[in-house]
Amino acid sequence: MPTRKYPKELVDRGVRLAIESGRPVAHIAAELGLPAETLRKRVRQAEADQGLRPDLPSTAEREQIKDLKREVAELRRANEILRAASLLFASELDESRPK
């Protein structure tokens, strides 16, 4: 099912209305012609970014988590390469050692 892009200004307006008015998100979404779930997700993220929802990570925290996960994956690959290289060098040293 293809996702539909909605104008940023329209979604931002819906988020602002939901936060400032306290009206149900579904009602605001219906008035603006947006899917309720799309607006609900954006409202939750905006609340997290403003510090109103401490249970959710902010956009900056999400980016930091994504960067850290990428770094962890890169370090794990580097460790695997180093581990394989050390096994190779250790086997070469053992073969050349006099018995």
PDB file of N, CA and C in Angstrom:
ATOM      1  N   MET A   1       0.839  -1.167   0.000  1.00  0.00           N
ATOM      2  CA  MET A   1       0.000   0.000   0.000  1.00  0.00           C
ATOM      3  C   MET A   1       0.892   1.241   0.000  1.00  0.00           C
ATOM      4  N   PRO A   2       0.812   2.079  -1.032  1.00  0.00           N
ATOM      5  CA  PRO A   2       1.673   3.250  -1.100  1.00  0.00           C
ATOM      6  C   PRO A   2       1.284   4.290  -0.045  1.00  0.00           C
ATOM      7  N   THR A   3       2.303   4.947   0.475  1.00  0.00           N
ATOM      8  CA  THR A   3       2.029   5.997   1.446  1.00  0.00           C
ATOM      9  C   THR A   3       1.843   7.312   0.712  1.00  0.00           C
ATOM     10  N   ARG A   4       1.001   8.137   1.235  1.00  0.00           N
ATOM     11  CA  ARG A   4       0.705   9.419   0.615  1.00  0.00           C
ATOM     12  C   ARG A   4       1.367  10.520   1.413  1.00  0.00           C
ATOM     13  N   LYS A   5       2.014  11.423   0.720  1.00  0.00           N
ATOM     14  CA  LYS A   5       2.644  12.561   1.382  1.00  0.00           C
ATOM     15  C   LYS A   5       1.634  13.696   1.499  1.00  0.00           C
ATOM     16  N   TYR A   6       1.589  14.311   2.647  1.00  0.00           N
ATOM     17  CA  TYR A   6       0.712  15.446   2.890  1.00  0.00           C
ATOM     18  C   TYR A   6       1.580  16.682   3.053  1.00  0.00           C
ATOM     19  N   PRO A   7       1.062  17.845   2.660  1.00  0.00           N
ATOM     20  CA  PRO A   7       1.863  19.071   2.793  1.00  0.00           C
ATOM     21  C   PRO A   7       2.300  19.285   4.236  1.00  0.00           C
ATOM     22  N   LYS A   8       3.569  19.621   4.404  1.00  0.00           N
ATOM     23  CA  LYS A   8       4.129  19.831   5.741  1.00  0.00           C
ATOM     24  C   LYS A   8       3.366  20.908   6.498  1.00  0.00           C
ATOM     25  N   GLU A   9       2.974  21.960   5.802  1.00  0.00           N
ATOM     26  CA  GLU A   9       2.246  23.054   6.454  1.00  0.00           C
ATOM     27  C   GLU A   9       0.916  22.568   7.025  1.00  0.00           C
ATOM     28  N   LEU A  10       0.243  21.695   6.289  1.00  0.00           N
ATOM     29  CA  LEU A  10      -1.044  21.170   6.739  1.00  0.00           C
ATOM     30  C   LEU A  10      -0.877  20.294   7.982  1.00  0.00           C
ATOM     31  N   VAL A  11       0.121  19.432   7.947  1.00  0.00           N
ATOM     32  CA  VAL A  11       0.368  18.548   9.092  1.00  0.00           C
ATOM     33  C   VAL A  11       0.815  19.372  10.295  1.00  0.00           C
ATOM     34  N   ASP A  12       1.694  20.350  10.069  1.00  0.00           N
ATOM     35  CA  ASP A  12       2.151  21.203  11.176  1.00  0.00           C
ATOM     36  C   ASP A  12       0.986  21.977  11.795  1.00  0.00           C
ATOM     37  N   ARG A  13       0.076  22.426  10.941  1.00  0.00           N
ATOM     38  CA  ARG A  13      -1.098  23.132  11.450  1.00  0.00           C
ATOM     39  C   ARG A  13      -1.944  22.204  12.318  1.00  0.00           C
ATOM     40  N   GLY A  14      -2.125  20.973  11.861  1.00  0.00           N
ATOM     41  CA  GLY A  14      -2.886  20.005  12.642  1.00  0.00           C
ATOM     42  C   GLY A  14      -2.231  19.702  13.974  1.00  0.00           C
ATOM     43  N   VAL A  15      -0.909  19.578  13.968  1.00  0.00           N
ATOM     44  CA  VAL A  15      -0.175  19.321  15.216  1.00  0.00           C
ATOM     45  C   VAL A  15      -0.360  20.489  16.173  1.00  0.00           C
ATOM     46  N   ARG A  16      -0.198  21.694  15.658  1.00  0.00           N
ATOM     47  CA  ARG A  16      -0.340  22.884  16.497  1.00  0.00           C
ATOM     48  C   ARG A  16      -1.750  22.981  17.074  1.00  0.00           C
ATOM     49  N   LEU A  17      -2.768  22.715  16.238  1.00  0.00           N
ATOM     50  CA  LEU A  17      -4.150  22.752  16.718  1.00  0.00           C
ATOM     51  C   LEU A  17      -4.398  21.707  17.800  1.00  0.00           C
ATOM     52  N   ALA A  18      -3.867  20.507  17.601  1.00  0.00           N
ATOM     53  CA  ALA A  18      -4.091  19.427  18.571  1.00  0.00           C
ATOM     54  C   ALA A  18      -3.447  19.747  19.911  1.00  0.00           C
ATOM     55  N   ILE A  19      -2.250  20.306  19.870  1.00  0.00           N
ATOM     56  CA  ILE A  19      -1.546  20.590  21.124  1.00  0.00           C
ATOM     57  C   ILE A  19      -2.165  21.792  21.835  1.00  0.00           C
ATOM     58  N   GLU A  20      -2.460  22.850  21.079  1.00  0.00           N
ATOM     59  CA  GLU A  20      -2.961  24.081  21.707  1.00  0.00           C
ATOM     60  C   GLU A  20      -4.422  23.991  22.134  1.00  0.00           C
ATOM     61  N   SER A  21      -5.252  23.336  21.329  1.00  0.00           N
ATOM     62  CA  SER A  21      -6.687  23.333  21.627  1.00  0.00           C
ATOM     63  C   SER A  21      -7.097  22.227  22.588  1.00  0.00           C
ATOM     64  N   GLY A  22      -6.361  21.134  22.595  1.00  0.00           N
ATOM     65  CA  GLY A  22      -6.737  20.021  23.450  1.00  0.00           C
ATOM     66  C   GLY A  22      -7.891  19.202  22.898  1.00  0.00           C
ATOM     67  N   ARG A  23      -8.318  19.518  21.687  1.00  0.00           N
ATOM     68  CA  ARG A  23      -9.390  18.758  21.051  1.00  0.00           C
ATOM     69  C   ARG A  23      -8.870  17.395  20.618  1.00  0.00           C
ATOM     70  N   PRO A  24      -9.750  16.420  20.423  1.00  0.00           N
ATOM     71  CA  PRO A  24      -9.316  15.093  19.980  1.00  0.00           C
ATOM     72  C   PRO A  24      -8.621  15.159  18.612  1.00  0.00           C
ATOM     73  N   VAL A  25      -7.568  14.416  18.488  1.00  0.00           N
ATOM     74  CA  VAL A  25      -6.775  14.388  17.259  1.00  0.00           C
ATOM     75  C   VAL A  25      -7.626  13.913  16.087  1.00  0.00           C
ATOM     76  N   ALA A  26      -8.494  12.951  16.326  1.00  0.00           N
ATOM     77  CA  ALA A  26      -9.334  12.420  15.245  1.00  0.00           C
ATOM     78  C   ALA A  26     -10.244  13.502  14.659  1.00  0.00           C
ATOM     79  N   HIS A  27     -10.757  14.392  15.504  1.00  0.00           N
ATOM     80  CA  HIS A  27     -11.632  15.465  15.011  1.00  0.00           C
ATOM     81  C   HIS A  27     -10.850  16.462  14.165  1.00  0.00           C
ATOM     82  N   ILE A  28      -9.678  16.823  14.634  1.00  0.00           N
ATOM     83  CA  ILE A  28      -8.844  17.772  13.892  1.00  0.00           C
ATOM     84  C   ILE A  28      -8.412  17.154  12.569  1.00  0.00           C
ATOM     85  N   ALA A  29      -8.029  15.888  12.594  1.00  0.00           N
ATOM     86  CA  ALA A  29      -7.600  15.205  11.373  1.00  0.00           C
ATOM     87  C   ALA A  29      -8.741  15.167  10.352  1.00  0.00           C
ATOM     88  N   ALA A  30      -9.956  14.900  10.802  1.00  0.00           N
ATOM     89  CA  ALA A  30     -11.105  14.850   9.902  1.00  0.00           C
ATOM     90  C   ALA A  30     -11.370  16.220   9.280  1.00  0.00           C
ATOM     91  N   GLU A  31     -11.237  17.279  10.085  1.00  0.00           N
ATOM     92  CA  GLU A  31     -11.453  18.633   9.578  1.00  0.00           C
ATOM     93  C   GLU A  31     -10.429  19.011   8.505  1.00  0.00           C
ATOM     94  N   LEU A  32      -9.182  18.548   8.694  1.00  0.00           N
ATOM     95  CA  LEU A  32      -8.105  18.913   7.769  1.00  0.00           C
ATOM     96  C   LEU A  32      -7.963  17.929   6.613  1.00  0.00           C
ATOM     97  N   GLY A  33      -8.673  16.816   6.678  1.00  0.00           N
ATOM     98  CA  GLY A  33      -8.581  15.824   5.613  1.00  0.00           C
ATOM     99  C   GLY A  33      -7.342  14.961   5.705  1.00  0.00           C
ATOM    100  N   LEU A  34      -6.840  14.756   6.908  1.00  0.00           N
ATOM    101  CA  LEU A  34      -5.663  13.913   7.154  1.00  0.00           C
ATOM    102  C   LEU A  34      -6.102  12.615   7.817  1.00  0.00           C
ATOM    103  N   PRO A  35      -5.335  11.536   7.605  1.00  0.00           N
ATOM    104  CA  PRO A  35      -5.615  10.322   8.380  1.00  0.00           C
ATOM    105  C   PRO A  35      -5.331  10.573   9.867  1.00  0.00           C
ATOM    106  N   ALA A  36      -6.198  10.090  10.706  1.00  0.00           N
ATOM    107  CA  ALA A  36      -6.066  10.332  12.141  1.00  0.00           C
ATOM    108  C   ALA A  36      -4.755   9.773  12.679  1.00  0.00           C
ATOM    109  N   GLU A  37      -4.358   8.606  12.213  1.00  0.00           N
ATOM    110  CA  GLU A  37      -3.138   7.989  12.737  1.00  0.00           C
ATOM    111  C   GLU A  37      -1.894   8.773  12.330  1.00  0.00           C
ATOM    112  N   THR A  38      -1.891   9.311  11.132  1.00  0.00           N
ATOM    113  CA  THR A  38      -0.765  10.134  10.690  1.00  0.00           C
ATOM    114  C   THR A  38      -0.612  11.349  11.596  1.00  0.00           C
ATOM    115  N   LEU A  39      -1.717  12.024  11.849  1.00  0.00           N
ATOM    116  CA  LEU A  39      -1.667  13.206  12.716  1.00  0.00           C
ATOM    117  C   LEU A  39      -1.316  12.814  14.146  1.00  0.00           C
ATOM    118  N   ARG A  40      -1.845  11.710  14.622  1.00  0.00           N
ATOM    119  CA  ARG A  40      -1.571  11.257  15.993  1.00  0.00           C
ATOM    120  C   ARG A  40      -0.074  10.997  16.192  1.00  0.00           C
ATOM    121  N   LYS A  41       0.557  10.354  15.212  1.00  0.00           N
ATOM    122  CA  LYS A  41       1.998  10.084  15.316  1.00  0.00           C
ATOM    123  C   LYS A  41       2.800  11.379  15.347  1.00  0.00           C
ATOM    124  N   ARG A  42       2.429  12.325  14.501  1.00  0.00           N
ATOM    125  CA  ARG A  42       3.150  13.590  14.455  1.00  0.00           C
ATOM    126  C   ARG A  42       2.942  14.394  15.740  1.00  0.00           C
ATOM    127  N   VAL A  43       1.738  14.328  16.311  1.00  0.00           N
ATOM    128  CA  VAL A  43       1.474  15.027  17.573  1.00  0.00           C
ATOM    129  C   VAL A  43       2.321  14.422  18.686  1.00  0.00           C
ATOM    130  N   ARG A  44       2.375  13.105  18.730  1.00  0.00           N
ATOM    131  CA  ARG A  44       3.190  12.445  19.768  1.00  0.00           C
ATOM    132  C   ARG A  44       4.657  12.830  19.644  1.00  0.00           C
ATOM    133  N   GLN A  45       5.176  12.879  18.405  1.00  0.00           N
ATOM    134  CA  GLN A  45       6.575  13.240  18.202  1.00  0.00           C
ATOM    135  C   GLN A  45       6.817  14.698  18.578  1.00  0.00           C
ATOM    136  N   ALA A  46       5.885  15.573  18.235  1.00  0.00           N
ATOM    137  CA  ALA A  46       6.013  16.994  18.594  1.00  0.00           C
ATOM    138  C   ALA A  46       5.998  17.160  20.118  1.00  0.00           C
ATOM    139  N   GLU A  47       5.132  16.422  20.787  1.00  0.00           N
ATOM    140  CA  GLU A  47       5.096  16.486  22.254  1.00  0.00           C
ATOM    141  C   GLU A  47       6.403  15.989  22.851  1.00  0.00           C
ATOM    142  N   ALA A  48       6.989  14.958  22.278  1.00  0.00           N
ATOM    143  CA  ALA A  48       8.272  14.445  22.764  1.00  0.00           C
ATOM    144  C   ALA A  48       9.371  15.478  22.539  1.00  0.00           C
ATOM    145  N   ASP A  49       9.358  16.130  21.378  1.00  0.00           N
ATOM    146  CA  ASP A  49      10.370  17.144  21.082  1.00  0.00           C
ATOM    147  C   ASP A  49      10.257  18.350  22.010  1.00  0.00           C
ATOM    148  N   GLN A  50       9.046  18.674  22.436  1.00  0.00           N
ATOM    149  CA  GLN A  50       8.821  19.815  23.329  1.00  0.00           C
ATOM    150  C   GLN A  50       9.000  19.448  24.796  1.00  0.00           C
ATOM    151  N   GLY A  51       9.262  18.184  25.082  1.00  0.00           N
ATOM    152  CA  GLY A  51       9.456  17.762  26.462  1.00  0.00           C
ATOM    153  C   GLY A  51       8.169  17.462  27.194  1.00  0.00           C
ATOM    154  N   LEU A  52       7.063  17.411  26.480  1.00  0.00           N
ATOM    155  CA  LEU A  52       5.781  17.122  27.115  1.00  0.00           C
ATOM    156  C   LEU A  52       5.573  15.627  27.331  1.00  0.00           C
ATOM    157  N   ARG A  53       6.333  14.808  26.611  1.00  0.00           N
ATOM    158  CA  ARG A  53       6.214  13.346  26.714  1.00  0.00           C
ATOM    159  C   ARG A  53       7.581  12.762  27.047  1.00  0.00           C
ATOM    160  N   PRO A  54       7.948  12.705  28.328  1.00  0.00           N
ATOM    161  CA  PRO A  54       9.270  12.180  28.681  1.00  0.00           C
ATOM    162  C   PRO A  54       9.410  10.674  28.412  1.00  0.00           C
ATOM    163  N   ASP A  55       8.293   9.992  28.177  1.00  0.00           N
ATOM    164  CA  ASP A  55       8.350   8.549  27.921  1.00  0.00           C
ATOM    165  C   ASP A  55       8.767   8.242  26.483  1.00  0.00           C
ATOM    166  N   LEU A  56       8.786   9.253  25.609  1.00  0.00           N
ATOM    167  CA  LEU A  56       9.153   9.049  24.205  1.00  0.00           C
ATOM    168  C   LEU A  56      10.457   9.775  23.897  1.00  0.00           C
ATOM    169  N   PRO A  57      11.300   9.186  23.046  1.00  0.00           N
ATOM    170  CA  PRO A  57      12.545   9.877  22.673  1.00  0.00           C
ATOM    171  C   PRO A  57      12.247  11.019  21.706  1.00  0.00           C
ATOM    172  N   SER A  58      12.990  12.104  21.859  1.00  0.00           N
ATOM    173  CA  SER A  58      12.827  13.238  20.951  1.00  0.00           C
ATOM    174  C   SER A  58      13.475  12.900  19.611  1.00  0.00           C
ATOM    175  N   THR A  59      13.272  13.766  18.639  1.00  0.00           N
ATOM    176  CA  THR A  59      13.851  13.545  17.318  1.00  0.00           C
ATOM    177  C   THR A  59      15.369  13.510  17.406  1.00  0.00           C
ATOM    178  N   ALA A  60      15.950  14.402  18.198  1.00  0.00           N
ATOM    179  CA  ALA A  60      17.413  14.417  18.359  1.00  0.00           C
ATOM    180  C   ALA A  60      17.899  13.111  18.990  1.00  0.00           C
ATOM    181  N   GLU A  61      17.168  12.629  19.981  1.00  0.00           N
ATOM    182  CA  GLU A  61      17.557  11.366  20.624  1.00  0.00           C
ATOM    183  C   GLU A  61      17.423  10.197  19.656  1.00  0.00           C
ATOM    184  N   ARG A  62      16.395  10.224  18.818  1.00  0.00           N
ATOM    185  CA  ARG A  62      16.236   9.162  17.814  1.00  0.00           C
ATOM    186  C   ARG A  62      17.407   9.146  16.839  1.00  0.00           C
ATOM    187  N   GLU A  63      17.829  10.335  16.406  1.00  0.00           N
ATOM    188  CA  GLU A  63      18.978  10.426  15.497  1.00  0.00           C
ATOM    189  C   GLU A  63      20.246   9.922  16.175  1.00  0.00           C
ATOM    190  N   GLN A  64      20.420  10.272  17.435  1.00  0.00           N
ATOM    191  CA  GLN A  64      21.599   9.827  18.174  1.00  0.00           C
ATOM    192  C   GLN A  64      21.587   8.305  18.323  1.00  0.00           C
ATOM    193  N   ILE A  65      20.444   7.721  18.607  1.00  0.00           N
ATOM    194  CA  ILE A  65      20.327   6.268  18.734  1.00  0.00           C
ATOM    195  C   ILE A  65      20.659   5.598  17.407  1.00  0.00           C
ATOM    196  N   LYS A  66      20.155   6.160  16.303  1.00  0.00           N
ATOM    197  CA  LYS A  66      20.430   5.595  14.984  1.00  0.00           C
ATOM    198  C   LYS A  66      21.929   5.654  14.670  1.00  0.00           C
ATOM    199  N   ASP A  67      22.571   6.786  14.995  1.00  0.00           N
ATOM    200  CA  ASP A  67      24.011   6.916  14.767  1.00  0.00           C
ATOM    201  C   ASP A  67      24.802   5.932  15.622  1.00  0.00           C
ATOM    202  N   LEU A  68      24.395   5.771  16.873  1.00  0.00           N
ATOM    203  CA  LEU A  68      25.097   4.841  17.758  1.00  0.00           C
ATOM    204  C   LEU A  68      24.934   3.394  17.292  1.00  0.00           C
ATOM    205  N   LYS A  69      23.754   3.038  16.806  1.00  0.00           N
ATOM    206  CA  LYS A  69      23.552   1.683  16.287  1.00  0.00           C
ATOM    207  C   LYS A  69      24.433   1.435  15.072  1.00  0.00           C
ATOM    208  N   ARG A  70      24.545   2.434  14.213  1.00  0.00           N
ATOM    209  CA  ARG A  70      25.400   2.318  13.036  1.00  0.00           C
ATOM    210  C   ARG A  70      26.869   2.142  13.465  1.00  0.00           C
ATOM    211  N   GLU A  71      27.291   2.909  14.469  1.00  0.00           N
ATOM    212  CA  GLU A  71      28.665   2.817  14.963  1.00  0.00           C
ATOM    213  C   GLU A  71      28.936   1.453  15.600  1.00  0.00           C
ATOM    214  N   VAL A  72      27.984   0.939  16.352  1.00  0.00           N
ATOM    215  CA  VAL A  72      28.140  -0.379  16.970  1.00  0.00           C
ATOM    216  C   VAL A  72      28.293  -1.453  15.895  1.00  0.00           C
ATOM    217  N   ALA A  73      27.492  -1.373  14.847  1.00  0.00           N
ATOM    218  CA  ALA A  73      27.585  -2.358  13.764  1.00  0.00           C
ATOM    219  C   ALA A  73      28.947  -2.282  13.084  1.00  0.00           C
ATOM    220  N   GLU A  74      29.429  -1.065  12.870  1.00  0.00           N
ATOM    221  CA  GLU A  74      30.744  -0.887  12.246  1.00  0.00           C
ATOM    222  C   GLU A  74      31.855  -1.442  13.137  1.00  0.00           C
ATOM    223  N   LEU A  75      31.774  -1.189  14.425  1.00  0.00           N
ATOM    224  CA  LEU A  75      32.789  -1.701  15.356  1.00  0.00           C
ATOM    225  C   LEU A  75      32.744  -3.224  15.451  1.00  0.00           C
ATOM    226  N   ARG A  76      31.568  -3.797  15.383  1.00  0.00           N
ATOM    227  CA  ARG A  76      31.464  -5.265  15.407  1.00  0.00           C
ATOM    228  C   ARG A  76      32.100  -5.872  14.166  1.00  0.00           C
ATOM    229  N   ARG A  77      31.878  -5.233  12.995  1.00  0.00           N
ATOM    230  CA  ARG A  77      32.528  -5.727  11.773  1.00  0.00           C
ATOM    231  C   ARG A  77      34.035  -5.618  11.892  1.00  0.00           C
ATOM    232  N   ALA A  78      34.525  -4.507  12.437  1.00  0.00           N
ATOM    233  CA  ALA A  78      35.970  -4.327  12.605  1.00  0.00           C
ATOM    234  C   ALA A  78      36.525  -5.370  13.568  1.00  0.00           C
ATOM    235  N   ASN A  79      35.806  -5.665  14.637  1.00  0.00           N
ATOM    236  CA  ASN A  79      36.261  -6.684  15.590  1.00  0.00           C
ATOM    237  C   ASN A  79      36.335  -8.058  14.938  1.00  0.00           C
ATOM    238  N   GLU A  80      35.367  -8.386  14.095  1.00  0.00           N
ATOM    239  CA  GLU A  80      35.388  -9.675  13.395  1.00  0.00           C
ATOM    240  C   GLU A  80      36.603  -9.764  12.482  1.00  0.00           C
ATOM    241  N   ILE A  81      36.901  -8.685  11.775  1.00  0.00           N
ATOM    242  CA  ILE A  81      38.073  -8.674  10.892  1.00  0.00           C
ATOM    243  C   ILE A  81      39.346  -8.835  11.708  1.00  0.00           C
ATOM    244  N   LEU A  82      39.459  -8.122  12.810  1.00  0.00           N
ATOM    245  CA  LEU A  82      40.651  -8.226  13.656  1.00  0.00           C
ATOM    246  C   LEU A  82      40.775  -9.614  14.277  1.00  0.00           C
ATOM    247  N   ARG A  83      39.657 -10.192  14.668  1.00  0.00           N
ATOM    248  CA  ARG A  83      39.679 -11.529  15.247  1.00  0.00           C
ATOM    249  C   ARG A  83      40.159 -12.553  14.205  1.00  0.00           C
ATOM    250  N   ALA A  84      39.660 -12.436  12.985  1.00  0.00           N
ATOM    251  CA  ALA A  84      40.079 -13.349  11.920  1.00  0.00           C
ATOM    252  C   ALA A  84      41.557 -13.160  11.599  1.00  0.00           C
ATOM    253  N   ALA A  85      42.009 -11.913  11.580  1.00  0.00           N
ATOM    254  CA  ALA A  85      43.424 -11.645  11.292  1.00  0.00           C
ATOM    255  C   ALA A  85      44.314 -12.192  12.403  1.00  0.00           C
ATOM    256  N   SER A  86      43.905 -12.043  13.638  1.00  0.00           N
ATOM    257  CA  SER A  86      44.731 -12.551  14.736  1.00  0.00           C
ATOM    258  C   SER A  86      44.797 -14.068  14.710  1.00  0.00           C
ATOM    259  N   LEU A  87      43.716 -14.733  14.331  1.00  0.00           N
ATOM    260  CA  LEU A  87      43.750 -16.193  14.204  1.00  0.00           C
ATOM    261  C   LEU A  87      44.690 -16.618  13.083  1.00  0.00           C
ATOM    262  N   LEU A  88      44.673 -15.873  11.979  1.00  0.00           N
ATOM    263  CA  LEU A  88      45.558 -16.176  10.861  1.00  0.00           C
ATOM    264  C   LEU A  88      47.014 -16.012  11.274  1.00  0.00           C
ATOM    265  N   PHE A  89      47.340 -14.905  11.914  1.00  0.00           N
ATOM    266  CA  PHE A  89      48.724 -14.670  12.340  1.00  0.00           C
ATOM    267  C   PHE A  89      49.157 -15.671  13.412  1.00  0.00           C
ATOM    268  N   ALA A  90      48.256 -16.028  14.303  1.00  0.00           N
ATOM    269  CA  ALA A  90      48.593 -17.006  15.343  1.00  0.00           C
ATOM    270  C   ALA A  90      48.872 -18.367  14.720  1.00  0.00           C
ATOM    271  N   SER A  91      48.115 -18.743  13.704  1.00  0.00           N
ATOM    272  CA  SER A  91      48.372 -20.038  13.061  1.00  0.00           C
ATOM    273  C   SER A  91      49.685 -20.019  12.308  1.00  0.00           C
ATOM    274  N   GLU A  92      50.072 -18.906  11.704  1.00  0.00           N
ATOM    275  CA  GLU A  92      51.358 -18.803  11.021  1.00  0.00           C
ATOM    276  C   GLU A  92      52.502 -18.886  12.013  1.00  0.00           C
ATOM    277  N   LEU A  93      52.364 -18.289  13.169  1.00  0.00           N
ATOM    278  CA  LEU A  93      53.409 -18.347  14.186  1.00  0.00           C
ATOM    279  C   LEU A  93      53.569 -19.765  14.720  1.00  0.00           C
ATOM    280  N   ASP A  94      52.487 -20.473  14.903  1.00  0.00           N
ATOM    281  CA  ASP A  94      52.554 -21.829  15.419  1.00  0.00           C
ATOM    282  C   ASP A  94      53.225 -22.767  14.443  1.00  0.00           C
ATOM    283  N   GLU A  95      53.006 -22.602  13.148  1.00  0.00           N
ATOM    284  CA  GLU A  95      53.611 -23.466  12.143  1.00  0.00           C
ATOM    285  C   GLU A  95      55.113 -23.274  12.064  1.00  0.00           C
ATOM    286  N   SER A  96      55.577 -22.040  12.248  1.00  0.00           N
ATOM    287  CA  SER A  96      57.020 -21.773  12.095  1.00  0.00           C
ATOM    288  C   SER A  96      57.785 -22.081  13.374  1.00  0.00           C
ATOM    289  N   ARG A  97      57.128 -22.305  14.453  1.00  0.00           N
ATOM    290  CA  ARG A  97      57.816 -22.577  15.719  1.00  0.00           C
ATOM    291  C   ARG A  97      58.425 -23.994  15.668  1.00  0.00           C
ATOM    292  N   PRO A  98      59.704 -24.141  16.082  1.00  0.00           N
ATOM    293  CA  PRO A  98      60.311 -25.492  16.090  1.00  0.00           C
ATOM    294  C   PRO A  98      59.660 -26.366  17.151  1.00  0.00           C
ATOM    295  N   LYS A  99      59.504 -27.638  16.802  1.00  0.00           N
ATOM    296  CA  LYS A  99      58.845 -28.551  17.728  1.00  0.00           C
ATOM    297  C   LYS A  99      59.824 -29.431  18.432  1.00  0.00           C
TER     298      LYS A  99
END
